C-alpha atoms as a PDB file:
ATOM      1  CA  UNK A   1      77.942 129.004  94.823  1.00  0.00           C
ATOM      2  CA  UNK A   2      79.941 127.130  92.253  1.00  0.00           C
ATOM      3  CA  UNK A   3      78.738 125.724  88.936  1.00  0.00           C
ATOM      4  CA  UNK A   4      81.071 122.796  89.525  1.00  0.00           C
ATOM      5  CA  UNK A   5      79.210 121.686  92.654  1.00  0.00           C
ATOM      6  CA  UNK A   6      75.683 122.880  91.876  1.00  0.00           C
ATOM      7  CA  UNK A   7      73.404 119.969  91.008  1.00  0.00           C
ATOM      8  CA  UNK A   8      71.592 120.621  87.730  1.00  0.00           C
ATOM      9  CA  UNK A   9      70.853 116.927  87.253  1.00  0.00           C
ATOM     10  CA  UNK A  10      72.288 114.505  84.729  1.00  0.00           C
ATOM     11  CA  UNK A  11      70.880 113.837  81.264  1.00  0.00           C
ATOM     12  CA  UNK A  12      71.848 111.676  78.342  1.00  0.00           C
ATOM     13  CA  UNK A  13      73.740 113.596  75.658  1.00  0.00           C
ATOM     14  CA  UNK A  14      73.566 112.195  72.139  1.00  0.00           C
ATOM     15  CA  UNK A  15      76.019 113.416  69.533  1.00  0.00           C
ATOM     16  CA  UNK A  16      78.955 111.883  67.719  1.00  0.00           C
ATOM     17  CA  UNK A  17      79.637 110.129  71.004  1.00  0.00           C
ATOM     18  CA  UNK A  18      76.874 109.163  73.453  1.00  0.00           C
ATOM     19  CA  UNK A  19      77.520 110.376  76.981  1.00  0.00           C
ATOM     20  CA  UNK A  20      75.996 112.314  79.832  1.00  0.00           C
ATOM     21  CA  UNK A  21      75.825 115.981  80.702  1.00  0.00           C
ATOM     22  CA  UNK A  22      75.831 117.281  84.253  1.00  0.00           C
ATOM     23  CA  UNK A  23      76.381 120.556  86.065  1.00  0.00           C
ATOM     24  CA  UNK A  24      76.087 123.797  84.120  1.00  0.00           C
ATOM     25  CA  UNK A  25      76.450 121.929  80.794  1.00  0.00           C
ATOM     26  CA  UNK A  26      73.220 120.061  81.563  1.00  0.00           C
ATOM     27  CA  UNK A  27      71.344 123.311  82.258  1.00  0.00           C
ATOM     28  CA  UNK A  28      72.663 124.873  79.048  1.00  0.00           C
ATOM     29  CA  UNK A  29      71.654 121.799  77.028  1.00  0.00           C
ATOM     30  CA  UNK A  30      68.181 121.883  78.608  1.00  0.00           C
ATOM     31  CA  UNK A  31      67.732 125.565  77.684  1.00  0.00           C
ATOM     32  CA  UNK A  32      68.798 124.968  74.068  1.00  0.00           C
ATOM     33  CA  UNK A  33      66.546 121.900  73.848  1.00  0.00           C
ATOM     34  CA  UNK A  34      63.609 123.992  75.144  1.00  0.00           C
ATOM     35  CA  UNK A  35      64.272 126.577  72.408  1.00  0.00           C
ATOM     36  CA  UNK A  36      64.376 123.967  69.646  1.00  0.00           C
ATOM     37  CA  UNK A  37      61.235 122.042  70.609  1.00  0.00           C
ATOM     38  CA  UNK A  38      57.840 122.999  69.185  1.00  0.00           C
ATOM     39  CA  UNK A  39      55.263 124.124  71.734  1.00  0.00           C
ATOM     40  CA  UNK A  40      52.817 121.327  72.460  1.00  0.00           C
ATOM     41  CA  UNK A  41      54.995 118.530  71.088  1.00  0.00           C
ATOM     42  CA  UNK A  42      55.827 117.084  74.517  1.00  0.00           C
ATOM     43  CA  UNK A  43      52.616 115.299  75.509  1.00  0.00           C
ATOM     44  CA  UNK A  44      53.262 115.387  79.277  1.00  0.00           C
ATOM     45  CA  UNK A  45      53.873 119.164  79.242  1.00  0.00           C
ATOM     46  CA  UNK A  46      52.020 120.977  76.465  1.00  0.00           C
ATOM     47  CA  UNK A  47      53.499 124.362  77.496  1.00  0.00           C
ATOM     48  CA  UNK A  48      57.082 123.112  77.052  1.00  0.00           C
ATOM     49  CA  UNK A  49      59.130 124.510  74.201  1.00  0.00           C
ATOM     50  CA  UNK A  50      59.338 127.297  71.666  1.00  0.00           C
ATOM     51  CA  UNK A  51      61.089 126.365  68.434  1.00  0.00           C
ATOM     52  CA  UNK A  52      62.940 129.544  67.501  1.00  0.00           C
ATOM     53  CA  UNK A  53      63.574 128.178  63.996  1.00  0.00           C
ATOM     54  CA  UNK A  54      59.895 128.759  63.199  1.00  0.00           C
ATOM     55  CA  UNK A  55      60.568 132.510  63.213  1.00  0.00           C
ATOM     56  CA  UNK A  56      62.647 132.148  60.066  1.00  0.00           C
ATOM     57  CA  UNK A  57      59.735 130.493  58.280  1.00  0.00           C
ATOM     58  CA  UNK A  58      57.588 133.613  58.626  1.00  0.00           C
ATOM     59  CA  UNK A  59      57.973 137.317  58.009  1.00  0.00           C
ATOM     60  CA  UNK A  60      60.421 138.737  60.525  1.00  0.00           C
ATOM     61  CA  UNK A  61      59.760 142.245  61.781  1.00  0.00           C
ATOM     62  CA  UNK A  62      60.507 144.278  64.911  1.00  0.00           C
ATOM     63  CA  UNK A  63      57.202 143.356  66.590  1.00  0.00           C
ATOM     64  CA  UNK A  64      57.680 139.642  65.930  1.00  0.00           C
ATOM     65  CA  UNK A  65      61.218 139.730  67.341  1.00  0.00           C
ATOM     66  CA  UNK A  66      60.120 141.644  70.432  1.00  0.00           C
ATOM     67  CA  UNK A  67      57.273 139.209  71.117  1.00  0.00           C
ATOM     68  CA  UNK A  68      59.638 136.276  70.572  1.00  0.00           C
ATOM     69  CA  UNK A  69      62.151 137.698  73.047  1.00  0.00           C
ATOM     70  CA  UNK A  70      59.413 137.719  75.698  1.00  0.00           C
ATOM     71  CA  UNK A  71      58.343 134.169  74.827  1.00  0.00           C
ATOM     72  CA  UNK A  72      61.942 132.949  75.069  1.00  0.00           C
ATOM     73  CA  UNK A  73      62.371 134.559  78.503  1.00  0.00           C
ATOM     74  CA  UNK A  74      59.104 132.995  79.694  1.00  0.00           C
ATOM     75  CA  UNK A  75      60.089 129.577  78.355  1.00  0.00           C
ATOM     76  CA  UNK A  76      63.495 129.653  80.039  1.00  0.00           C
ATOM     77  CA  UNK A  77      61.968 130.747  83.338  1.00  0.00           C
ATOM     78  CA  UNK A  78      59.580 127.765  83.234  1.00  0.00           C
ATOM     79  CA  UNK A  79      62.622 125.611  84.056  1.00  0.00           C
ATOM     80  CA  UNK A  80      62.707 125.402  87.860  1.00  0.00           C
ATOM     81  CA  UNK A  81      66.500 125.778  87.800  1.00  0.00           C
ATOM     82  CA  UNK A  82      66.263 129.245  86.174  1.00  0.00           C
ATOM     83  CA  UNK A  83      65.514 132.265  88.365  1.00  0.00           C
ATOM     84  CA  UNK A  84      65.777 135.011  85.748  1.00  0.00           C
ATOM     85  CA  UNK A  85      66.487 135.312  82.038  1.00  0.00           C
ATOM     86  CA  UNK A  86      66.900 138.122  79.521  1.00  0.00           C
ATOM     87  CA  UNK A  87      67.003 137.866  75.746  1.00  0.00           C
ATOM     88  CA  UNK A  88      67.884 139.941  72.688  1.00  0.00           C
ATOM     89  CA  UNK A  89      67.431 138.683  69.116  1.00  0.00           C
ATOM     90  CA  UNK A  90      69.399 140.057  66.175  1.00  0.00           C
ATOM     91  CA  UNK A  91      68.139 139.064  62.712  1.00  0.00           C
ATOM     92  CA  UNK A  92      70.533 139.128  59.753  1.00  0.00           C
ATOM     93  CA  UNK A  93      68.294 139.422  56.714  1.00  0.00           C
ATOM     94  CA  UNK A  94      71.151 138.887  54.238  1.00  0.00           C
ATOM     95  CA  UNK A  95      71.950 135.428  55.615  1.00  0.00           C
ATOM     96  CA  UNK A  96      68.474 134.594  57.001  1.00  0.00           C
ATOM     97  CA  UNK A  97      70.090 133.835  60.359  1.00  0.00           C
ATOM     98  CA  UNK A  98      69.217 134.945  63.853  1.00  0.00           C
ATOM     99  CA  UNK A  99      71.558 135.425  66.750  1.00  0.00           C
ATOM    100  CA  UNK A 100      70.012 135.106  70.190  1.00  0.00           C
ATOM    101  CA  UNK A 101      71.856 136.664  73.130  1.00  0.00           C
ATOM    102  CA  UNK A 102      70.619 135.289  76.453  1.00  0.00           C
ATOM    103  CA  UNK A 103      71.600 135.899  80.074  1.00  0.00           C
ATOM    104  CA  UNK A 104      70.428 133.324  82.594  1.00  0.00           C
ATOM    105  CA  UNK A 105      70.566 133.554  86.361  1.00  0.00           C
ATOM    106  CA  UNK A 106      70.061 130.088  87.854  1.00  0.00           C
ATOM    107  CA  UNK A 107      68.371 129.834  91.272  1.00  0.00           C
ATOM    108  CA  UNK A 108      71.591 128.550  92.848  1.00  0.00           C
ATOM    109  CA  UNK A 109      74.422 130.086  90.879  1.00  0.00           C
ATOM    110  CA  UNK A 110      75.968 133.037  89.057  1.00  0.00           C
ATOM    111  CA  UNK A 111      74.572 134.605  85.887  1.00  0.00           C
ATOM    112  CA  UNK A 112      75.904 133.215  82.633  1.00  0.00           C
ATOM    113  CA  UNK A 113      75.574 134.212  78.977  1.00  0.00           C
ATOM    114  CA  UNK A 114      74.475 132.039  76.110  1.00  0.00           C
ATOM    115  CA  UNK A 115      74.753 133.001  72.429  1.00  0.00           C
ATOM    116  CA  UNK A 116      72.835 130.960  69.860  1.00  0.00           C
ATOM    117  CA  UNK A 117      72.982 130.989  66.087  1.00  0.00           C
ATOM    118  CA  UNK A 118      69.702 129.964  64.467  1.00  0.00           C
ATOM    119  CA  UNK A 119      68.943 129.082  60.865  1.00  0.00           C
ATOM    120  CA  UNK A 120      65.979 127.217  59.374  1.00  0.00           C
ATOM    121  CA  UNK A 121      67.491 123.856  60.344  1.00  0.00           C
ATOM    122  CA  UNK A 122      69.773 124.271  63.369  1.00  0.00           C
ATOM    123  CA  UNK A 123      70.059 125.933  66.749  1.00  0.00           C
ATOM    124  CA  UNK A 124      73.778 126.095  67.521  1.00  0.00           C
ATOM    125  CA  UNK A 125      75.581 127.278  70.649  1.00  0.00           C
ATOM    126  CA  UNK A 126      78.177 129.858  69.628  1.00  0.00           C
ATOM    127  CA  UNK A 127      79.363 130.895  73.082  1.00  0.00           C
ATOM    128  CA  UNK A 128      78.757 130.454  76.786  1.00  0.00           C
ATOM    129  CA  UNK A 129      80.383 132.537  79.476  1.00  0.00           C
ATOM    130  CA  UNK A 130      79.997 132.575  83.239  1.00  0.00           C
ATOM    131  CA  UNK A 131      79.905 136.095  84.656  1.00  0.00           C
ATOM    132  CA  UNK A 132      80.854 137.234  88.132  1.00  0.00           C
ATOM    133  CA  UNK A 133      77.562 139.072  88.691  1.00  0.00           C
END
């Protein structure tokens, strides 16, 4: 199946220029939005979201990172377009930044990678790559 023809819906994309996102870009945006929304802040779905920035506002240790990796995987798999997800978090104590390495297998497409940089204010996409798995 092709990411160019797979229907992941269309959403409004607000940035420097207002537009829409469709295809794989829409799924990626939805995953990042889910990981930058506080749990319980969406009144019609109280289970939606896990704001990964909150990790940097607490003491970061191996157990916290491991638990957060599991929460991230569970959150991503709550999206009906995602079949499977894996996650690894690397915390850079010197810069107080986290790097989140995610692999997502959509229900109707090939696995792709997503790398996020997280600080106390932003969740930024560093890289996305479609694999041939």
